[in-house]
Amino acid sequence: MDAKLEVVVLPVADVDRAKAFYQGLGWRLDADITPDEPYRVVQFTPPNSPASIQLGTGITTMTPGSVQELMLIVEDIDAAREELTSHGADVSEVWHGAGLFADLRVPGPDPERRSYRSFATFADPDGNSFLLQEVTERLPGRVWPTDVAALAGLLHETADHHGAFEAVAPPHDWWDWYAVYLDARQHGSTPEVASAAAGRYMAEVKHIVV
């Protein structure tokens, strides 16, 4: 049976301040709800992350800022640091070594850019911190299998929606349209929004206009 860790709660002292910080990073705001007074739940998801964070009022008894070193996996730690910094985060310099152990950290990324070896860190306004870790090639057993049946269903759906575009479009490479539609659907867009995104891509990038 699958057991997927999807949400981590962060304790904060000022919900609006924390919300502004994570919105500033460009993380997706999933919800800001008040189911019952005095409770409030705010949820964010980092870009392309399968897991989200929640903060709010009345949802945890932890001390604000007490969650430390949540790992954010990135493919290019220098690019990730630059992007986070441009969005207002105070990100440390990159180091390599034993990650969590400050006395074993060596300045700069891993000289051989080996996977799992380069790190940087930043914190939100309350002091909850994140550890960036560069992973370019995963260890065996850390790659999740594809749900073939679900993928087949999505491909079938993609083919159906592409049919409407193909019927009125000039000759084109179907895989260009498919790629945008599939990406949009896998990131939560409705079929209609995914179709529109694929159409825009074909017009603006591939210059295929219907």
N, C-alpha and C. Protein backbone atom coordinates (compact mmCIF):
# COMPACT_ATOMS: atom_id res chain seq x y z
N MET A 1 0.84 -1.19 0.00
CA MET A 1 0.00 0.00 0.00
C MET A 1 0.88 1.24 0.00
N ASP A 2 0.57 2.18 -0.88
CA ASP A 2 1.32 3.43 -0.91
C ASP A 2 1.06 4.22 0.36
N ALA A 3 2.09 4.90 0.83
CA ALA A 3 1.96 5.82 1.96
C ALA A 3 2.80 7.05 1.63
N LYS A 4 2.16 8.07 1.11
CA LYS A 4 2.86 9.22 0.55
C LYS A 4 2.85 10.40 1.53
N LEU A 5 4.05 10.83 1.92
CA LEU A 5 4.17 12.02 2.75
C LEU A 5 3.90 13.24 1.87
N GLU A 6 2.83 13.97 2.16
CA GLU A 6 2.42 15.05 1.27
C GLU A 6 2.42 16.42 1.93
N VAL A 7 2.36 16.49 3.27
CA VAL A 7 2.27 17.80 3.93
C VAL A 7 3.14 17.83 5.17
N VAL A 8 3.88 18.92 5.34
CA VAL A 8 4.66 19.18 6.55
C VAL A 8 4.16 20.49 7.15
N VAL A 9 3.86 20.49 8.44
CA VAL A 9 3.35 21.68 9.12
C VAL A 9 4.53 22.50 9.65
N LEU A 10 4.51 23.81 9.37
CA LEU A 10 5.53 24.72 9.87
C LEU A 10 4.91 25.64 10.92
N PRO A 11 5.50 25.73 12.10
CA PRO A 11 4.98 26.63 13.13
C PRO A 11 5.46 28.07 12.89
N VAL A 12 4.53 29.00 12.83
CA VAL A 12 4.89 30.41 12.59
C VAL A 12 4.16 31.29 13.60
N ALA A 13 4.75 32.45 13.87
CA ALA A 13 4.16 33.41 14.81
C ALA A 13 3.20 34.37 14.11
N ASP A 14 3.48 34.67 12.85
CA ASP A 14 2.68 35.64 12.10
C ASP A 14 2.32 35.00 10.77
N VAL A 15 1.08 34.57 10.63
CA VAL A 15 0.66 33.82 9.44
C VAL A 15 0.76 34.68 8.18
N ASP A 16 0.31 35.91 8.25
CA ASP A 16 0.34 36.77 7.07
C ASP A 16 1.77 37.06 6.62
N ARG A 17 2.67 37.25 7.58
CA ARG A 17 4.08 37.48 7.24
C ARG A 17 4.66 36.25 6.55
N ALA A 18 4.39 35.08 7.09
CA ALA A 18 4.90 33.85 6.50
C ALA A 18 4.28 33.62 5.12
N LYS A 19 2.99 33.90 4.99
CA LYS A 19 2.33 33.73 3.70
C LYS A 19 2.98 34.63 2.65
N ALA A 20 3.25 35.86 3.00
CA ALA A 20 3.89 36.80 2.06
C ALA A 20 5.27 36.29 1.65
N PHE A 21 6.01 35.71 2.59
CA PHE A 21 7.35 35.20 2.29
C PHE A 21 7.28 34.09 1.25
N TYR A 22 6.41 33.10 1.48
CA TYR A 22 6.35 31.96 0.56
C TYR A 22 5.73 32.34 -0.78
N GLN A 23 4.79 33.27 -0.77
CA GLN A 23 4.29 33.78 -2.04
C GLN A 23 5.40 34.49 -2.80
N GLY A 24 6.23 35.22 -2.08
CA GLY A 24 7.35 35.90 -2.71
C GLY A 24 8.34 34.95 -3.36
N LEU A 25 8.47 33.74 -2.81
CA LEU A 25 9.36 32.75 -3.41
C LEU A 25 8.79 32.19 -4.70
N GLY A 26 7.50 32.43 -4.94
CA GLY A 26 6.86 31.88 -6.13
C GLY A 26 6.26 30.51 -5.92
N TRP A 27 6.14 30.09 -4.64
CA TRP A 27 5.52 28.81 -4.37
C TRP A 27 4.02 28.92 -4.57
N ARG A 28 3.41 27.83 -5.03
CA ARG A 28 1.98 27.85 -5.34
C ARG A 28 1.14 27.89 -4.07
N LEU A 29 0.23 28.86 -4.00
CA LEU A 29 -0.71 28.93 -2.88
C LEU A 29 -1.88 28.01 -3.18
N ASP A 30 -1.98 26.92 -2.41
CA ASP A 30 -3.03 25.93 -2.61
C ASP A 30 -4.31 26.28 -1.88
N ALA A 31 -4.17 26.89 -0.70
CA ALA A 31 -5.35 27.15 0.11
C ALA A 31 -5.03 28.18 1.18
N ASP A 32 -6.04 28.95 1.53
CA ASP A 32 -6.01 29.82 2.70
C ASP A 32 -7.43 29.82 3.24
N ILE A 33 -7.67 28.93 4.18
CA ILE A 33 -9.04 28.71 4.65
C ILE A 33 -9.13 28.84 6.15
N THR A 34 -10.30 29.21 6.61
CA THR A 34 -10.61 29.27 8.03
C THR A 34 -11.82 28.39 8.26
N PRO A 35 -11.60 27.08 8.49
CA PRO A 35 -12.74 26.16 8.63
C PRO A 35 -13.62 26.50 9.83
N ASP A 36 -12.99 26.85 10.93
CA ASP A 36 -13.71 27.25 12.14
C ASP A 36 -12.80 28.20 12.92
N GLU A 37 -13.38 29.25 13.48
CA GLU A 37 -12.58 30.14 14.32
C GLU A 37 -12.09 29.38 15.55
N PRO A 38 -10.86 29.57 16.01
CA PRO A 38 -9.85 30.51 15.49
C PRO A 38 -8.88 29.86 14.52
N TYR A 39 -9.26 28.75 13.89
CA TYR A 39 -8.33 28.01 13.05
C TYR A 39 -8.18 28.66 11.68
N ARG A 40 -6.96 28.56 11.15
CA ARG A 40 -6.67 29.02 9.79
C ARG A 40 -5.59 28.11 9.22
N VAL A 41 -5.78 27.68 7.98
CA VAL A 41 -4.83 26.79 7.32
C VAL A 41 -4.40 27.41 6.00
N VAL A 42 -3.10 27.61 5.85
CA VAL A 42 -2.53 28.12 4.61
C VAL A 42 -1.58 27.06 4.08
N GLN A 43 -1.75 26.69 2.82
CA GLN A 43 -0.89 25.64 2.24
C GLN A 43 -0.19 26.15 1.00
N PHE A 44 1.11 25.83 0.91
CA PHE A 44 1.93 26.15 -0.25
C PHE A 44 2.60 24.89 -0.77
N THR A 45 2.86 24.86 -2.07
CA THR A 45 3.63 23.78 -2.68
C THR A 45 4.80 24.37 -3.44
N PRO A 46 6.04 23.94 -3.13
CA PRO A 46 7.19 24.40 -3.91
C PRO A 46 7.07 23.93 -5.36
N PRO A 47 7.76 24.57 -6.30
CA PRO A 47 7.65 24.21 -7.71
C PRO A 47 7.93 22.73 -7.97
N ASN A 48 6.95 22.07 -8.58
CA ASN A 48 7.07 20.66 -8.98
C ASN A 48 7.29 19.70 -7.82
N SER A 49 6.93 20.11 -6.61
CA SER A 49 7.12 19.25 -5.45
C SER A 49 5.89 18.37 -5.22
N PRO A 50 6.09 17.08 -4.87
CA PRO A 50 4.96 16.23 -4.51
C PRO A 50 4.48 16.48 -3.09
N ALA A 51 5.25 17.23 -2.31
CA ALA A 51 4.89 17.52 -0.92
C ALA A 51 4.68 19.02 -0.74
N SER A 52 3.83 19.37 0.22
CA SER A 52 3.47 20.76 0.49
C SER A 52 3.80 21.12 1.93
N ILE A 53 3.73 22.41 2.22
CA ILE A 53 3.85 22.88 3.60
C ILE A 53 2.54 23.52 4.01
N GLN A 54 2.23 23.45 5.30
CA GLN A 54 1.06 24.13 5.85
C GLN A 54 1.51 25.00 7.03
N LEU A 55 0.90 26.15 7.13
CA LEU A 55 1.10 27.02 8.28
C LEU A 55 -0.24 27.64 8.60
N GLY A 56 -0.36 28.20 9.78
CA GLY A 56 -1.66 28.76 10.12
C GLY A 56 -1.82 29.01 11.60
N THR A 57 -3.07 29.02 12.02
CA THR A 57 -3.42 29.29 13.42
C THR A 57 -4.16 28.08 13.97
N GLY A 58 -3.72 27.61 15.12
CA GLY A 58 -4.40 26.50 15.79
C GLY A 58 -4.13 25.14 15.19
N ILE A 59 -3.07 25.01 14.37
CA ILE A 59 -2.83 23.72 13.72
C ILE A 59 -1.60 22.99 14.28
N THR A 60 -0.86 23.62 15.18
CA THR A 60 0.30 22.96 15.78
C THR A 60 0.63 23.62 17.11
N THR A 61 1.23 22.85 18.00
CA THR A 61 1.69 23.39 19.28
C THR A 61 3.21 23.59 19.28
N MET A 62 3.86 23.36 18.16
CA MET A 62 5.31 23.54 18.08
C MET A 62 5.67 25.01 18.20
N THR A 63 6.86 25.28 18.69
CA THR A 63 7.37 26.64 18.81
C THR A 63 7.68 27.20 17.44
N PRO A 64 7.25 28.43 17.13
CA PRO A 64 7.57 29.02 15.83
C PRO A 64 9.07 28.97 15.53
N GLY A 65 9.39 28.52 14.31
CA GLY A 65 10.79 28.42 13.90
C GLY A 65 11.50 27.15 14.30
N SER A 66 10.80 26.19 14.87
CA SER A 66 11.46 24.99 15.41
C SER A 66 11.65 23.88 14.38
N VAL A 67 11.09 24.02 13.19
CA VAL A 67 11.31 23.01 12.14
C VAL A 67 12.59 23.36 11.39
N GLN A 68 13.54 22.44 11.37
CA GLN A 68 14.85 22.73 10.83
C GLN A 68 15.27 21.76 9.72
N GLU A 69 15.94 22.33 8.71
CA GLU A 69 16.62 21.57 7.67
C GLU A 69 15.69 20.64 6.88
N LEU A 70 14.52 21.15 6.50
CA LEU A 70 13.69 20.40 5.56
C LEU A 70 14.41 20.39 4.21
N MET A 71 14.57 19.22 3.63
CA MET A 71 15.36 19.14 2.40
C MET A 71 14.53 19.49 1.17
N LEU A 72 15.08 20.39 0.37
CA LEU A 72 14.54 20.71 -0.94
C LEU A 72 15.53 20.20 -1.98
N ILE A 73 15.12 19.26 -2.80
CA ILE A 73 16.01 18.66 -3.77
C ILE A 73 15.99 19.47 -5.06
N VAL A 74 17.17 19.85 -5.55
CA VAL A 74 17.28 20.65 -6.76
C VAL A 74 18.28 19.99 -7.70
N GLU A 75 18.14 20.26 -9.00
CA GLU A 75 19.05 19.68 -9.98
C GLU A 75 20.31 20.53 -10.15
N ASP A 76 20.21 21.82 -9.90
CA ASP A 76 21.35 22.72 -10.06
C ASP A 76 21.34 23.67 -8.86
N ILE A 77 22.22 23.45 -7.91
CA ILE A 77 22.16 24.21 -6.67
C ILE A 77 22.54 25.67 -6.87
N ASP A 78 23.43 25.96 -7.81
CA ASP A 78 23.78 27.35 -8.07
C ASP A 78 22.60 28.11 -8.65
N ALA A 79 21.90 27.49 -9.60
CA ALA A 79 20.74 28.13 -10.20
C ALA A 79 19.62 28.29 -9.18
N ALA A 80 19.44 27.27 -8.33
CA ALA A 80 18.40 27.34 -7.30
C ALA A 80 18.69 28.46 -6.32
N ARG A 81 19.95 28.57 -5.91
CA ARG A 81 20.33 29.64 -4.98
C ARG A 81 20.09 31.00 -5.60
N GLU A 82 20.46 31.16 -6.86
CA GLU A 82 20.28 32.44 -7.54
C GLU A 82 18.81 32.80 -7.64
N GLU A 83 17.97 31.82 -7.97
CA GLU A 83 16.54 32.08 -8.10
C GLU A 83 15.92 32.46 -6.76
N LEU A 84 16.24 31.71 -5.70
CA LEU A 84 15.69 32.00 -4.38
C LEU A 84 16.14 33.38 -3.90
N THR A 85 17.39 33.69 -4.12
CA THR A 85 17.91 34.99 -3.72
C THR A 85 17.19 36.12 -4.45
N SER A 86 16.90 35.92 -5.73
CA SER A 86 16.20 36.94 -6.51
C SER A 86 14.78 37.16 -6.02
N HIS A 87 14.24 36.17 -5.29
CA HIS A 87 12.89 36.29 -4.74
C HIS A 87 12.89 36.71 -3.27
N GLY A 88 14.04 37.12 -2.77
CA GLY A 88 14.07 37.69 -1.43
C GLY A 88 14.55 36.78 -0.32
N ALA A 89 14.90 35.53 -0.62
CA ALA A 89 15.39 34.63 0.42
C ALA A 89 16.87 34.90 0.70
N ASP A 90 17.24 34.79 1.95
CA ASP A 90 18.64 34.97 2.36
C ASP A 90 19.29 33.59 2.37
N VAL A 91 19.87 33.22 1.24
CA VAL A 91 20.41 31.87 1.06
C VAL A 91 21.91 31.87 1.37
N SER A 92 22.34 30.86 2.09
CA SER A 92 23.76 30.75 2.42
C SER A 92 24.59 30.48 1.17
N GLU A 93 25.91 30.59 1.32
CA GLU A 93 26.79 30.15 0.25
C GLU A 93 26.70 28.62 0.12
N VAL A 94 27.02 28.12 -1.05
CA VAL A 94 26.99 26.68 -1.28
C VAL A 94 28.19 26.03 -0.60
N TRP A 95 27.96 24.83 -0.03
CA TRP A 95 29.06 24.06 0.53
C TRP A 95 28.90 22.60 0.15
N HIS A 96 29.94 21.84 0.38
CA HIS A 96 29.85 20.39 0.18
C HIS A 96 30.43 19.71 1.41
N GLY A 97 30.14 18.43 1.53
CA GLY A 97 30.59 17.70 2.70
C GLY A 97 29.45 16.95 3.34
N ALA A 98 29.42 16.95 4.65
CA ALA A 98 28.45 16.13 5.38
C ALA A 98 27.15 16.86 5.67
N GLY A 99 26.87 17.92 4.94
CA GLY A 99 25.56 18.55 4.98
C GLY A 99 25.12 19.10 6.32
N LEU A 100 24.60 18.25 7.17
CA LEU A 100 24.01 18.69 8.42
C LEU A 100 25.05 19.04 9.48
N PHE A 101 26.29 18.64 9.29
CA PHE A 101 27.30 18.84 10.31
C PHE A 101 28.18 20.03 9.95
N ALA A 102 27.98 21.15 10.65
CA ALA A 102 28.63 22.41 10.28
C ALA A 102 30.15 22.30 10.29
N ASP A 103 30.71 21.52 11.20
CA ASP A 103 32.17 21.47 11.30
C ASP A 103 32.79 20.64 10.17
N LEU A 104 31.98 19.96 9.36
CA LEU A 104 32.50 19.16 8.25
C LEU A 104 32.20 19.79 6.89
N ARG A 105 31.65 21.01 6.89
CA ARG A 105 31.29 21.66 5.63
C ARG A 105 32.52 22.29 4.98
N VAL A 106 32.62 22.13 3.68
CA VAL A 106 33.72 22.70 2.89
C VAL A 106 33.11 23.69 1.90
N PRO A 107 33.63 24.93 1.84
CA PRO A 107 33.03 25.93 0.95
C PRO A 107 33.01 25.49 -0.51
N GLY A 108 31.92 25.90 -1.20
CA GLY A 108 31.78 25.62 -2.61
C GLY A 108 31.08 24.30 -2.87
N PRO A 109 30.58 24.12 -4.10
CA PRO A 109 29.93 22.85 -4.44
C PRO A 109 30.94 21.71 -4.50
N ASP A 110 30.45 20.49 -4.47
CA ASP A 110 31.32 19.33 -4.59
C ASP A 110 32.17 19.47 -5.86
N PRO A 111 33.49 19.34 -5.76
CA PRO A 111 34.36 19.56 -6.92
C PRO A 111 34.01 18.70 -8.13
N GLU A 112 33.51 17.50 -7.88
CA GLU A 112 33.14 16.59 -8.97
C GLU A 112 31.65 16.65 -9.28
N ARG A 113 30.95 17.56 -8.60
CA ARG A 113 29.49 17.72 -8.74
C ARG A 113 28.77 16.38 -8.63
N ARG A 114 29.20 15.59 -7.64
CA ARG A 114 28.54 14.32 -7.39
C ARG A 114 27.17 14.56 -6.78
N SER A 115 26.24 13.71 -7.11
CA SER A 115 24.89 13.82 -6.60
C SER A 115 24.88 13.66 -5.08
N TYR A 116 23.99 14.40 -4.41
CA TYR A 116 23.79 14.35 -2.95
C TYR A 116 24.91 15.02 -2.16
N ARG A 117 25.86 15.72 -2.79
CA ARG A 117 27.04 16.19 -2.07
C ARG A 117 27.10 17.72 -1.89
N SER A 118 26.24 18.49 -2.56
CA SER A 118 26.32 19.95 -2.49
C SER A 118 25.06 20.52 -1.82
N PHE A 119 25.25 21.54 -0.96
CA PHE A 119 24.16 22.04 -0.13
C PHE A 119 24.18 23.57 -0.02
N ALA A 120 23.03 24.10 0.38
CA ALA A 120 22.90 25.49 0.82
C ALA A 120 21.65 25.53 1.70
N THR A 121 21.48 26.61 2.45
CA THR A 121 20.34 26.67 3.36
C THR A 121 19.74 28.07 3.39
N PHE A 122 18.45 28.14 3.73
CA PHE A 122 17.78 29.42 3.96
C PHE A 122 16.65 29.18 4.95
N ALA A 123 16.11 30.28 5.50
CA ALA A 123 15.05 30.18 6.51
C ALA A 123 13.94 31.16 6.20
N ASP A 124 12.75 30.85 6.72
CA ASP A 124 11.64 31.79 6.60
C ASP A 124 11.74 32.82 7.73
N PRO A 125 10.86 33.82 7.78
CA PRO A 125 10.98 34.88 8.80
C PRO A 125 10.93 34.39 10.24
N ASP A 126 10.35 33.20 10.47
CA ASP A 126 10.29 32.65 11.82
C ASP A 126 11.50 31.82 12.18
N GLY A 127 12.32 31.46 11.19
CA GLY A 127 13.49 30.63 11.45
C GLY A 127 13.33 29.19 11.06
N ASN A 128 12.16 28.79 10.53
CA ASN A 128 12.04 27.45 9.97
C ASN A 128 12.98 27.37 8.77
N SER A 129 13.83 26.34 8.72
CA SER A 129 14.88 26.35 7.71
C SER A 129 14.74 25.20 6.71
N PHE A 130 15.34 25.44 5.54
CA PHE A 130 15.34 24.48 4.44
C PHE A 130 16.79 24.23 4.01
N LEU A 131 17.07 22.98 3.68
CA LEU A 131 18.39 22.59 3.21
C LEU A 131 18.27 22.21 1.74
N LEU A 132 18.88 23.01 0.86
CA LEU A 132 18.94 22.66 -0.55
C LEU A 132 19.98 21.56 -0.74
N GLN A 133 19.61 20.54 -1.49
CA GLN A 133 20.55 19.46 -1.80
C GLN A 133 20.50 19.19 -3.29
N GLU A 134 21.67 19.20 -3.92
CA GLU A 134 21.74 18.97 -5.37
C GLU A 134 21.73 17.46 -5.65
N VAL A 135 20.73 17.03 -6.41
CA VAL A 135 20.62 15.63 -6.81
C VAL A 135 20.46 15.58 -8.32
N THR A 136 21.45 15.03 -9.00
CA THR A 136 21.39 14.92 -10.46
C THR A 136 21.19 13.48 -10.92
N GLU A 137 21.52 12.54 -10.05
CA GLU A 137 21.31 11.12 -10.36
C GLU A 137 20.97 10.41 -9.07
N ARG A 138 19.80 9.79 -9.03
CA ARG A 138 19.34 9.19 -7.79
C ARG A 138 19.95 7.81 -7.57
N LEU A 139 20.10 7.46 -6.29
CA LEU A 139 20.57 6.15 -5.92
C LEU A 139 19.54 5.09 -6.30
N PRO A 140 19.97 3.85 -6.52
CA PRO A 140 19.02 2.79 -6.84
C PRO A 140 17.93 2.68 -5.78
N GLY A 141 16.71 2.47 -6.23
CA GLY A 141 15.59 2.36 -5.32
C GLY A 141 14.92 3.67 -5.00
N ARG A 142 15.48 4.79 -5.48
CA ARG A 142 14.91 6.10 -5.20
C ARG A 142 14.17 6.68 -6.41
N VAL A 143 13.97 5.86 -7.44
CA VAL A 143 13.20 6.27 -8.60
C VAL A 143 11.89 5.50 -8.56
N TRP A 144 10.78 6.22 -8.53
CA TRP A 144 9.49 5.59 -8.38
C TRP A 144 8.99 5.03 -9.70
N PRO A 145 8.38 3.84 -9.67
CA PRO A 145 7.89 3.24 -10.91
C PRO A 145 6.73 4.02 -11.50
N THR A 146 6.59 3.94 -12.80
CA THR A 146 5.49 4.61 -13.50
C THR A 146 4.21 3.80 -13.36
N ASP A 147 3.11 4.48 -13.11
CA ASP A 147 1.80 3.84 -13.13
C ASP A 147 1.39 3.73 -14.59
N VAL A 148 1.65 2.58 -15.18
CA VAL A 148 1.46 2.41 -16.63
C VAL A 148 0.00 2.62 -17.02
N ALA A 149 -0.92 2.11 -16.23
CA ALA A 149 -2.33 2.25 -16.57
C ALA A 149 -2.76 3.72 -16.57
N ALA A 150 -2.30 4.46 -15.56
CA ALA A 150 -2.65 5.88 -15.49
C ALA A 150 -2.03 6.65 -16.64
N LEU A 151 -0.77 6.32 -16.98
CA LEU A 151 -0.11 6.99 -18.09
C LEU A 151 -0.81 6.68 -19.41
N ALA A 152 -1.23 5.43 -19.58
CA ALA A 152 -1.96 5.06 -20.79
C ALA A 152 -3.26 5.83 -20.91
N GLY A 153 -3.96 5.99 -19.77
CA GLY A 153 -5.20 6.76 -19.79
C GLY A 153 -4.97 8.21 -20.15
N LEU A 154 -3.89 8.79 -19.62
CA LEU A 154 -3.58 10.19 -19.93
C LEU A 154 -3.18 10.35 -21.39
N LEU A 155 -2.44 9.39 -21.93
CA LEU A 155 -2.08 9.44 -23.35
C LEU A 155 -3.32 9.34 -24.24
N HIS A 156 -4.24 8.49 -23.83
CA HIS A 156 -5.50 8.37 -24.58
C HIS A 156 -6.26 9.69 -24.57
N GLU A 157 -6.34 10.30 -23.39
CA GLU A 157 -7.00 11.60 -23.27
C GLU A 157 -6.31 12.65 -24.14
N THR A 158 -4.97 12.63 -24.12
CA THR A 158 -4.20 13.59 -24.91
C THR A 158 -4.49 13.42 -26.40
N ALA A 159 -4.52 12.17 -26.83
CA ALA A 159 -4.82 11.90 -28.24
C ALA A 159 -6.20 12.41 -28.63
N ASP A 160 -7.17 12.22 -27.76
CA ASP A 160 -8.53 12.70 -28.05
C ASP A 160 -8.55 14.22 -28.20
N HIS A 161 -7.89 14.93 -27.30
CA HIS A 161 -7.92 16.39 -27.36
C HIS A 161 -7.06 16.92 -28.51
N HIS A 162 -5.97 16.22 -28.80
CA HIS A 162 -5.16 16.63 -29.95
C HIS A 162 -5.93 16.48 -31.25
N GLY A 163 -6.84 15.52 -31.29
CA GLY A 163 -7.63 15.31 -32.51
C GLY A 163 -8.37 16.55 -32.94
N ALA A 164 -8.92 17.29 -31.96
CA ALA A 164 -9.65 18.51 -32.30
C ALA A 164 -8.71 19.57 -32.87
N PHE A 165 -7.49 19.64 -32.34
CA PHE A 165 -6.51 20.59 -32.85
C PHE A 165 -6.03 20.17 -34.24
N GLU A 166 -5.77 18.88 -34.39
CA GLU A 166 -5.22 18.36 -35.64
C GLU A 166 -6.20 18.53 -36.80
N ALA A 167 -7.49 18.48 -36.48
CA ALA A 167 -8.50 18.57 -37.53
C ALA A 167 -8.48 19.91 -38.26
N VAL A 168 -8.01 20.95 -37.59
CA VAL A 168 -8.06 22.29 -38.19
C VAL A 168 -6.67 22.91 -38.35
N ALA A 169 -5.63 22.23 -37.89
CA ALA A 169 -4.28 22.80 -37.92
C ALA A 169 -3.53 22.37 -39.17
N PRO A 170 -2.57 23.19 -39.62
CA PRO A 170 -1.69 22.77 -40.71
C PRO A 170 -0.84 21.57 -40.26
N PRO A 171 -0.16 20.91 -41.17
CA PRO A 171 0.69 19.77 -40.78
C PRO A 171 1.71 20.19 -39.71
N HIS A 172 1.89 19.33 -38.72
CA HIS A 172 2.78 19.63 -37.60
C HIS A 172 3.20 18.34 -36.94
N ASP A 173 4.19 18.44 -36.04
CA ASP A 173 4.64 17.29 -35.27
C ASP A 173 3.76 17.13 -34.04
N TRP A 174 3.02 16.03 -33.99
CA TRP A 174 2.05 15.84 -32.92
C TRP A 174 2.70 15.84 -31.54
N TRP A 175 3.96 15.40 -31.48
CA TRP A 175 4.61 15.28 -30.16
C TRP A 175 4.83 16.63 -29.50
N ASP A 176 4.93 17.70 -30.28
CA ASP A 176 5.05 19.03 -29.67
C ASP A 176 3.79 19.38 -28.89
N TRP A 177 2.64 19.15 -29.49
CA TRP A 177 1.36 19.43 -28.83
C TRP A 177 1.18 18.52 -27.62
N TYR A 178 1.49 17.23 -27.81
CA TYR A 178 1.36 16.26 -26.73
C TYR A 178 2.17 16.66 -25.51
N ALA A 179 3.42 17.10 -25.74
CA ALA A 179 4.32 17.40 -24.63
C ALA A 179 3.76 18.49 -23.74
N VAL A 180 3.23 19.54 -24.34
CA VAL A 180 2.69 20.65 -23.55
C VAL A 180 1.42 20.23 -22.83
N TYR A 181 0.55 19.51 -23.53
CA TYR A 181 -0.71 19.07 -22.92
C TYR A 181 -0.42 18.14 -21.72
N LEU A 182 0.43 17.15 -21.92
CA LEU A 182 0.75 16.21 -20.84
C LEU A 182 1.36 16.93 -19.65
N ASP A 183 2.30 17.84 -19.92
CA ASP A 183 2.94 18.57 -18.83
C ASP A 183 1.91 19.37 -18.03
N ALA A 184 1.01 20.05 -18.74
CA ALA A 184 -0.01 20.85 -18.06
C ALA A 184 -0.94 19.98 -17.22
N ARG A 185 -1.35 18.85 -17.77
CA ARG A 185 -2.26 17.97 -17.02
C ARG A 185 -1.58 17.38 -15.78
N GLN A 186 -0.30 17.03 -15.92
CA GLN A 186 0.42 16.45 -14.78
C GLN A 186 0.70 17.48 -13.70
N HIS A 187 0.57 18.76 -14.04
CA HIS A 187 0.75 19.81 -13.06
C HIS A 187 -0.58 20.37 -12.57
N GLY A 188 -1.68 19.67 -12.86
CA GLY A 188 -2.96 20.01 -12.25
C GLY A 188 -3.93 20.80 -13.10
N SER A 189 -3.58 21.12 -14.35
CA SER A 189 -4.50 21.87 -15.19
C SER A 189 -5.66 21.00 -15.65
N THR A 190 -6.80 21.61 -15.91
CA THR A 190 -7.93 20.90 -16.49
C THR A 190 -7.63 20.58 -17.95
N PRO A 191 -8.37 19.64 -18.56
CA PRO A 191 -8.16 19.37 -19.98
C PRO A 191 -8.32 20.61 -20.85
N GLU A 192 -9.27 21.46 -20.51
CA GLU A 192 -9.50 22.66 -21.31
C GLU A 192 -8.31 23.62 -21.22
N VAL A 193 -7.80 23.82 -20.00
CA VAL A 193 -6.65 24.71 -19.83
C VAL A 193 -5.41 24.11 -20.49
N ALA A 194 -5.23 22.79 -20.38
CA ALA A 194 -4.08 22.13 -21.01
C ALA A 194 -4.15 22.26 -22.53
N SER A 195 -5.34 22.10 -23.10
CA SER A 195 -5.50 22.25 -24.55
C SER A 195 -5.16 23.67 -24.99
N ALA A 196 -5.61 24.64 -24.21
CA ALA A 196 -5.32 26.04 -24.55
C ALA A 196 -3.82 26.31 -24.48
N ALA A 197 -3.14 25.75 -23.45
CA ALA A 197 -1.70 25.93 -23.32
C ALA A 197 -0.96 25.32 -24.50
N ALA A 198 -1.39 24.12 -24.91
CA ALA A 198 -0.75 23.48 -26.05
C ALA A 198 -0.97 24.28 -27.33
N GLY A 199 -2.17 24.83 -27.48
CA GLY A 199 -2.45 25.66 -28.65
C GLY A 199 -1.58 26.91 -28.70
N ARG A 200 -1.41 27.56 -27.54
CA ARG A 200 -0.56 28.75 -27.49
C ARG A 200 0.88 28.41 -27.82
N TYR A 201 1.36 27.28 -27.29
CA TYR A 201 2.73 26.86 -27.57
C TYR A 201 2.93 26.64 -29.07
N MET A 202 1.98 25.97 -29.68
CA MET A 202 2.10 25.70 -31.11
C MET A 202 2.11 27.00 -31.92
N ALA A 203 1.32 27.97 -31.50
CA ALA A 203 1.25 29.23 -32.23
C ALA A 203 2.47 30.10 -31.98
N GLU A 204 2.89 30.19 -30.71
CA GLU A 204 3.94 31.14 -30.37
C GLU A 204 5.35 30.59 -30.58
N VAL A 205 5.53 29.28 -30.40
CA VAL A 205 6.86 28.68 -30.50
C VAL A 205 7.05 27.95 -31.83
N LYS A 206 6.05 27.18 -32.21
CA LYS A 206 6.16 26.39 -33.43
C LYS A 206 5.53 27.08 -34.65
N HIS A 207 4.86 28.21 -34.40
CA HIS A 207 4.25 29.00 -35.47
C HIS A 207 3.24 28.20 -36.28
N ILE A 208 2.51 27.34 -35.57
CA ILE A 208 1.40 26.60 -36.16
C ILE A 208 0.12 27.26 -35.67
N VAL A 209 -0.58 27.95 -36.55
CA VAL A 209 -1.76 28.72 -36.18
C VAL A 209 -2.99 28.09 -36.81
N VAL A 210 -4.00 27.88 -35.98
CA VAL A 210 -5.25 27.31 -36.50
C VAL A 210 -6.21 28.43 -36.85
